[in-house]
């Protein structure tokens, strides 16, 4: 099992933007990103550090692996 890196919400958003996601809207500290093809929508909290479970859920929804996330950071 690969360990997840410790990332902030802003860094996670930047990494997702590099693979085709765009910011749709922000409500409070939660940023909604969407990718048109294949369609996928994820919500990323804009916190200093993301909890492991939250980051794992974001990666699973976006179809990314921890290794790919490291490459994008």
Protein backbone atom coordinates (compact mmCIF):
# COMPACT_ATOMS: atom_id res chain seq x y z
CA UNK A 1 0.00 0.00 0.00
CA UNK A 2 1.30 3.41 -0.96
CA UNK A 3 1.25 6.15 1.63
CA UNK A 4 -0.71 9.27 0.87
CA UNK A 5 1.21 12.54 0.85
CA UNK A 6 0.16 15.29 3.25
CA UNK A 7 -1.30 18.05 1.08
CA UNK A 8 -3.30 21.22 1.56
CA UNK A 9 -6.60 21.90 -0.13
CA UNK A 10 -4.99 24.44 -2.48
CA UNK A 11 -2.30 21.97 -3.58
CA UNK A 12 -4.93 19.29 -4.17
CA UNK A 13 -6.96 21.72 -6.30
CA UNK A 14 -3.88 22.63 -8.36
CA UNK A 15 -3.10 18.96 -8.96
CA UNK A 16 -6.68 18.27 -10.07
CA UNK A 17 -6.59 21.26 -12.42
CA UNK A 18 -3.53 19.73 -14.11
CA UNK A 19 -5.55 16.64 -15.08
CA UNK A 20 -8.47 18.56 -16.55
CA UNK A 21 -10.64 19.64 -13.63
CA UNK A 22 -11.92 23.20 -13.44
CA UNK A 23 -13.28 25.15 -10.51
CA UNK A 24 -17.05 25.51 -10.84
CA UNK A 25 -17.92 27.28 -7.61
CA UNK A 26 -16.94 27.73 -3.99
CA UNK A 27 -19.29 27.66 -1.01
CA UNK A 28 -17.50 28.66 2.16
CA UNK A 29 -14.32 26.62 2.39
CA UNK A 30 -15.49 23.91 -0.04
CA UNK A 31 -14.45 24.15 -3.69
CA UNK A 32 -16.38 22.21 -6.34
CA UNK A 33 -14.34 21.02 -9.32
CA UNK A 34 -15.67 19.36 -12.45
CA UNK A 35 -14.15 17.52 -15.41
CA UNK A 36 -16.27 17.31 -18.57
CA UNK A 37 -14.89 14.15 -20.21
CA UNK A 38 -15.20 11.65 -18.63
CA UNK A 39 -17.62 13.51 -16.39
CA UNK A 40 -16.56 13.72 -12.76
CA UNK A 41 -17.27 16.18 -9.98
CA UNK A 42 -15.38 16.40 -6.69
CA UNK A 43 -15.57 18.67 -3.65
CA UNK A 44 -12.29 19.69 -2.04
CA UNK A 45 -12.23 21.46 1.33
CA UNK A 46 -9.83 24.42 1.27
CA UNK A 47 -8.04 23.49 4.51
CA UNK A 48 -4.38 23.68 5.51
CA UNK A 49 -4.08 19.89 5.48
CA UNK A 50 -6.54 17.34 4.20
CA UNK A 51 -7.34 14.31 6.34
CA UNK A 52 -6.17 11.00 4.88
CA UNK A 53 -9.69 9.68 4.48
CA UNK A 54 -10.85 12.86 2.75
CA UNK A 55 -7.89 12.81 0.35
CA UNK A 56 -8.41 9.11 -0.36
CA UNK A 57 -12.08 9.78 -1.18
CA UNK A 58 -11.17 12.67 -3.51
CA UNK A 59 -8.60 10.52 -5.34
CA UNK A 60 -11.04 7.63 -5.65
CA UNK A 61 -13.73 9.91 -7.08
CA UNK A 62 -11.29 11.51 -9.53
CA UNK A 63 -9.84 8.15 -10.60
CA UNK A 64 -6.31 8.98 -9.47
CA UNK A 65 -3.73 6.97 -7.57
CA UNK A 66 -1.45 8.28 -4.82
CA UNK A 67 1.51 7.85 -7.20
CA UNK A 68 -0.18 10.01 -9.84
CA UNK A 69 -0.97 12.63 -7.20
CA UNK A 70 2.72 12.77 -6.23
CA UNK A 71 3.66 13.32 -9.89
CA UNK A 72 1.14 16.17 -10.18
CA UNK A 73 2.38 17.90 -7.03
